[in-house]
Amino acid sequence: MLLEIRRLTVEFQTAGEHVRAVDEVSLDIGQGEVVGLVGESGSGKTTLGLAITRLVPEPPARILQGEVQFDGEDLLRVPRHELYQVRGGRIAYVFQEPSTSLNPVMTVGRQLVEMIDLHTTSRKAAARTRAIELLGHVGIPAPEERMTSYPHELSGGMKQRVMIAMAIASRPRLLVADEPTTALDVTLERQIVALLKRLQQELRLSILVISHSIHLVKQLADRIAVMKEGRLVEQGSTGQVLTQPRHEYTQHLLAAQPKVAALEGTL
């Protein structure tokens, strides 16, 4: 098993109140497996994704207990100054808002080269060549020309492709994709989902895809885990969760999904 989360508990302190955003969650992800984590806003799914590499802000957050075994190493016990070798390296993130994740005053090429420099031993010229290759690999046309573009010059779909290129630059073993199609229209959503599926197969990536949409997650995931108020209320194969949901909350999520033919049949 590549990732084993055991009884992970994360608490936030706000206005004198203690709130458990993640409450004794256990979840596994195998090598090359895609797991979908679904739930409504505020269910704790993003906090869980961040807590894997202790990216939750401390304070106001605090990891109370648990284990996060990644490739046999408990990341909750790793000294904080050594986590940079894991974050963006062996575990990479695609955050839900590329417009705020990309530096607006740096070209996308420079940002990608810096990511490659940080996590590999490539020389400057080789890093630039690799950056161009990555942009092309994620489907950005004229990638060499795009190296000099600034984020504001790119569409939402192009920005997300840049974020994905940055995420795979270090050849990670696990990709955490948090709402990877937020604010994209159905056509662009379909393209990003197809890109993630292709990269997962080519690179043998394990992926944790986080979304409020079961119908989005089903296009990618081998298994689905459903989160409600900080707890996992149901886990199972994608087919089982979609056709035979056991928990009332899962049934509610399925009933609440928009029945859009283009999304259902063509993603």
Protein backbone atom coordinates (compact mmCIF):
# COMPACT_ATOMS: atom_id res chain seq x y z
CA MET A 1 0.00 0.00 0.00
CA LEU A 2 1.45 3.39 -0.97
CA LEU A 3 -0.52 5.59 1.46
CA GLU A 4 -2.08 4.41 4.71
CA ILE A 5 -3.94 6.97 6.82
CA ARG A 6 -4.91 5.73 10.27
CA ARG A 7 -7.25 7.51 12.71
CA LEU A 8 -6.14 10.94 11.54
CA THR A 9 -7.71 13.73 13.57
CA VAL A 10 -7.33 17.44 12.81
CA GLU A 11 -8.83 20.14 15.01
CA PHE A 12 -9.33 23.86 14.40
CA GLN A 13 -9.65 26.43 17.16
CA THR A 14 -11.84 29.38 16.19
CA ALA A 15 -13.33 32.00 18.53
CA GLY A 16 -12.63 29.82 21.54
CA GLU A 17 -14.33 26.81 19.99
CA HIS A 18 -12.63 23.53 19.04
CA VAL A 19 -13.92 21.99 15.79
CA ARG A 20 -12.77 18.62 14.46
CA ALA A 21 -12.46 19.07 10.71
CA VAL A 22 -11.07 15.54 10.33
CA ASP A 23 -12.25 13.01 12.92
CA GLU A 24 -10.43 9.66 13.17
CA VAL A 25 -10.25 9.11 9.41
CA SER A 26 -8.62 5.98 7.99
CA LEU A 27 -8.03 5.65 4.26
CA ASP A 28 -5.70 3.68 1.97
CA ILE A 29 -4.42 4.37 -1.54
CA GLY A 30 -2.56 1.68 -3.45
CA GLN A 31 0.17 2.11 -6.03
CA GLY A 32 -1.40 3.25 -9.30
CA GLU A 33 -4.84 3.52 -7.69
CA VAL A 34 -7.22 6.48 -7.97
CA VAL A 35 -9.39 7.22 -4.94
CA GLY A 36 -12.14 9.82 -5.03
CA LEU A 37 -12.94 11.74 -1.84
CA VAL A 38 -16.36 13.38 -2.00
CA GLY A 39 -18.48 15.49 0.30
CA GLU A 40 -20.17 18.84 0.59
CA SER A 41 -18.30 22.07 1.35
CA GLY A 42 -17.10 22.02 4.94
CA SER A 43 -17.03 18.23 5.16
CA GLY A 44 -13.27 18.24 5.85
CA LYS A 45 -12.09 16.70 2.59
CA THR A 46 -9.67 19.53 1.67
CA THR A 47 -8.27 19.55 5.21
CA LEU A 48 -7.65 15.80 4.94
CA GLY A 49 -5.78 16.30 1.66
CA LEU A 50 -3.59 19.02 3.15
CA ALA A 51 -2.94 17.13 6.38
CA ILE A 52 -1.23 14.30 4.50
CA THR A 53 1.93 16.42 4.29
CA ARG A 54 1.05 18.71 7.21
CA LEU A 55 0.10 21.66 5.04
CA VAL A 56 -2.77 22.63 7.33
CA PRO A 57 -1.95 25.96 9.03
CA GLU A 58 -0.77 25.41 12.60
CA PRO A 59 -2.29 27.38 14.36
CA PRO A 60 -5.30 27.54 14.09
CA ALA A 61 -5.20 23.85 13.13
CA ARG A 62 -3.66 21.06 15.14
CA ILE A 63 -3.13 17.42 14.21
CA LEU A 64 -4.23 15.63 17.37
CA GLN A 65 -3.49 12.03 16.48
CA GLY A 66 -3.05 9.47 13.76
CA GLU A 67 -0.56 8.10 11.29
CA VAL A 68 0.10 8.95 7.64
CA GLN A 69 2.27 6.13 6.35
CA PHE A 70 3.64 6.97 2.91
CA ASP A 71 5.82 4.33 1.33
CA GLY A 72 6.49 2.96 4.81
CA GLU A 73 7.33 6.29 6.47
CA ASP A 74 5.04 8.12 8.90
CA LEU A 75 4.90 11.68 7.58
CA LEU A 76 3.52 12.97 10.88
CA ARG A 77 6.83 12.03 12.51
CA VAL A 78 9.13 13.50 9.86
CA PRO A 79 10.92 16.70 11.01
CA ARG A 80 9.18 19.68 9.44
CA HIS A 81 12.35 20.92 7.73
CA GLU A 82 12.61 17.60 5.86
CA LEU A 83 9.06 17.66 4.50
CA TYR A 84 10.10 19.74 1.47
CA GLN A 85 11.56 16.53 0.05
CA VAL A 86 8.06 15.04 0.13
CA ARG A 87 5.87 18.06 -0.72
CA GLY A 88 5.96 18.78 -4.42
CA GLY A 89 8.36 15.88 -4.82
CA ARG A 90 7.01 12.44 -3.99
CA ILE A 91 3.58 13.91 -3.24
CA ALA A 92 2.35 16.71 -5.51
CA TYR A 93 -0.74 18.89 -5.31
CA VAL A 94 -3.07 20.45 -7.85
CA PHE A 95 -5.00 23.05 -5.90
CA GLN A 96 -8.53 24.10 -6.74
CA GLU A 97 -7.78 27.70 -7.72
CA PRO A 98 -4.90 27.98 -10.24
CA SER A 99 -5.34 31.75 -10.48
CA THR A 100 -4.21 32.12 -6.87
CA SER A 101 -1.69 29.27 -6.94
CA LEU A 102 0.38 30.69 -9.81
CA ASN A 103 2.62 33.69 -9.20
CA PRO A 104 1.11 36.57 -11.24
CA VAL A 105 4.43 38.40 -11.73
CA MET A 106 6.43 35.42 -13.02
CA THR A 107 6.15 33.75 -16.39
CA VAL A 108 4.78 30.22 -16.35
CA GLY A 109 8.06 29.02 -17.83
CA ARG A 110 10.09 30.46 -14.98
CA GLN A 111 7.75 28.98 -12.40
CA LEU A 112 7.97 25.57 -14.01
CA VAL A 113 11.78 25.72 -14.29
CA GLU A 114 12.03 26.68 -10.61
CA MET A 115 9.87 23.68 -9.67
CA ILE A 116 12.13 21.38 -11.70
CA ASP A 117 15.26 22.93 -10.14
CA LEU A 118 13.85 22.45 -6.64
CA HIS A 119 13.11 18.75 -6.96
CA THR A 120 15.64 17.45 -9.50
CA THR A 121 19.34 17.78 -10.28
CA SER A 122 18.75 19.10 -13.80
CA ARG A 123 20.96 21.90 -15.08
CA LYS A 124 19.36 25.17 -16.18
CA ALA A 125 19.28 24.36 -19.90
CA ALA A 126 17.99 20.86 -19.25
CA ALA A 127 15.35 22.22 -16.87
CA ARG A 128 14.10 24.61 -19.55
CA THR A 129 13.93 21.81 -22.10
CA ARG A 130 12.06 19.66 -19.60
CA ALA A 131 9.63 22.53 -18.88
CA ILE A 132 8.80 22.87 -22.57
CA GLU A 133 8.29 19.12 -22.82
CA LEU A 134 5.95 19.16 -19.81
CA LEU A 135 3.83 21.98 -21.22
CA GLY A 136 3.47 20.06 -24.44
CA HIS A 137 2.73 16.85 -22.58
CA VAL A 138 -0.25 18.39 -20.78
CA GLY A 139 -1.68 19.64 -24.06
CA ILE A 140 -0.62 23.30 -24.18
CA PRO A 141 -0.15 24.34 -27.83
CA ALA A 142 3.09 26.08 -28.87
CA PRO A 143 4.69 25.24 -25.52
CA GLU A 144 7.97 27.06 -26.22
CA GLU A 145 6.08 30.28 -26.88
CA ARG A 146 3.95 29.80 -23.75
CA MET A 147 7.08 29.72 -21.61
CA THR A 148 7.10 33.52 -21.74
CA SER A 149 3.40 33.93 -20.92
CA TYR A 150 2.16 35.30 -17.62
CA PRO A 151 -0.76 33.60 -15.82
CA HIS A 152 -3.20 36.42 -16.65
CA GLU A 153 -2.59 35.75 -20.34
CA LEU A 154 -3.91 32.18 -20.06
CA SER A 155 -7.45 30.83 -19.92
CA GLY A 156 -8.69 28.94 -16.88
CA GLY A 157 -8.17 25.61 -18.59
CA MET A 158 -4.63 26.54 -19.64
CA LYS A 159 -3.76 27.63 -16.09
CA GLN A 160 -4.96 24.30 -14.77
CA ARG A 161 -2.81 22.51 -17.33
CA VAL A 162 0.20 24.53 -16.16
CA MET A 163 -0.57 23.53 -12.57
CA ILE A 164 -0.71 19.88 -13.61
CA ALA A 165 2.59 20.24 -15.48
CA MET A 166 4.19 21.69 -12.34
CA ALA A 167 2.74 18.87 -10.25
CA ILE A 168 4.18 16.08 -12.40
CA ALA A 169 7.54 17.81 -12.95
CA SER A 170 9.14 15.89 -10.08
CA ARG A 171 7.64 12.57 -11.17
CA PRO A 172 5.60 12.15 -7.97
CA ARG A 173 4.16 8.87 -6.77
CA LEU A 174 0.99 10.46 -5.41
CA LEU A 175 -1.00 13.36 -6.85
CA VAL A 176 -3.60 15.13 -4.70
CA ALA A 177 -6.05 16.94 -6.99
CA ASP A 178 -8.41 19.21 -5.05
CA GLU A 179 -11.46 20.20 -7.13
CA PRO A 180 -9.34 20.09 -10.33
CA THR A 181 -12.16 21.34 -12.57
CA THR A 182 -13.55 24.15 -10.41
CA ALA A 183 -14.92 27.09 -12.45
CA LEU A 184 -14.37 25.28 -15.76
CA ASP A 185 -17.17 24.75 -18.23
CA VAL A 186 -18.25 21.24 -19.21
CA THR A 187 -15.99 21.08 -22.27
CA LEU A 188 -12.86 22.13 -20.35
CA GLU A 189 -13.83 19.87 -17.46
CA ARG A 190 -13.99 16.94 -19.87
CA GLN A 191 -10.53 17.81 -21.22
CA ILE A 192 -8.93 18.05 -17.75
CA VAL A 193 -10.47 14.74 -16.68
CA ALA A 194 -9.17 13.08 -19.85
CA LEU A 195 -5.72 14.57 -19.21
CA LEU A 196 -5.61 13.25 -15.64
CA LYS A 197 -6.70 9.81 -16.81
CA ARG A 198 -3.97 9.75 -19.47
CA LEU A 199 -1.25 10.91 -17.08
CA GLN A 200 -2.33 8.40 -14.45
CA GLN A 201 -1.98 5.56 -16.92
CA GLU A 202 1.28 6.78 -18.47
CA LEU A 203 3.03 7.62 -15.20
CA ARG A 204 1.38 4.95 -13.02
CA LEU A 205 0.35 7.72 -10.67
CA SER A 206 -1.68 7.20 -7.56
CA ILE A 207 -4.26 9.98 -7.31
CA LEU A 208 -6.46 11.30 -4.52
CA VAL A 209 -9.09 13.37 -6.31
CA ILE A 210 -11.16 15.60 -4.03
CA SER A 211 -14.52 16.91 -5.23
CA HIS A 212 -18.06 17.75 -4.18
CA SER A 213 -19.24 15.92 -7.33
CA ILE A 214 -19.63 12.15 -7.33
CA HIS A 215 -20.37 12.26 -11.05
CA LEU A 216 -17.00 13.89 -11.69
CA VAL A 217 -15.09 11.54 -9.42
CA LYS A 218 -16.62 8.44 -11.00
CA GLN A 219 -14.81 9.21 -14.27
CA LEU A 220 -11.43 8.83 -12.54
CA ALA A 221 -11.73 6.79 -9.38
CA ASP A 222 -11.32 3.08 -8.72
CA ARG A 223 -12.78 3.62 -5.26
CA ILE A 224 -14.85 6.36 -3.64
CA ALA A 225 -14.77 7.54 -0.03
CA VAL A 226 -17.60 9.76 1.22
CA MET A 227 -16.93 12.36 3.91
CA LYS A 228 -19.44 14.10 6.15
CA GLU A 229 -18.70 16.45 9.04
CA GLY A 230 -15.11 15.28 9.32
CA ARG A 231 -15.81 11.54 9.21
CA LEU A 232 -15.74 8.96 6.45
CA VAL A 233 -19.25 7.55 6.33
CA GLU A 234 -18.81 5.18 3.39
CA GLN A 235 -16.06 3.63 1.28
CA GLY A 236 -16.24 1.20 -1.58
CA SER A 237 -15.57 0.50 -5.21
CA THR A 238 -16.88 3.18 -7.54
CA GLY A 239 -19.48 0.81 -8.96
CA GLN A 240 -20.71 -0.23 -5.52
CA VAL A 241 -20.98 3.31 -4.15
CA LEU A 242 -22.81 4.55 -7.25
CA THR A 243 -25.26 1.68 -7.62
CA GLN A 244 -25.68 0.43 -4.04
CA PRO A 245 -24.93 3.32 -1.68
CA ARG A 246 -25.29 2.17 1.92
CA HIS A 247 -25.27 5.46 3.80
CA GLU A 248 -28.17 7.90 3.71
CA TYR A 249 -25.75 10.80 3.16
CA THR A 250 -24.27 9.13 0.05
CA GLN A 251 -27.79 8.62 -1.28
CA HIS A 252 -28.44 12.32 -0.66
CA LEU A 253 -25.29 13.33 -2.59
CA LEU A 254 -26.24 11.13 -5.54
CA ALA A 255 -29.77 12.52 -5.62
CA ALA A 256 -28.47 16.08 -5.50
CA GLN A 257 -26.15 15.72 -8.50
CA PRO A 258 -27.26 17.55 -11.66
CA LYS A 259 -28.45 15.20 -14.38
CA VAL A 260 -26.50 16.73 -17.24
CA ALA A 261 -26.33 14.40 -20.23
CA ALA A 262 -23.08 15.85 -21.54
CA LEU A 263 -21.42 15.36 -18.17
CA GLU A 264 -22.86 11.90 -17.61
CA GLY A 265 -22.06 10.40 -20.97
CA THR A 266 -19.05 12.12 -22.44
CA LEU A 267 -16.57 12.76 -19.64
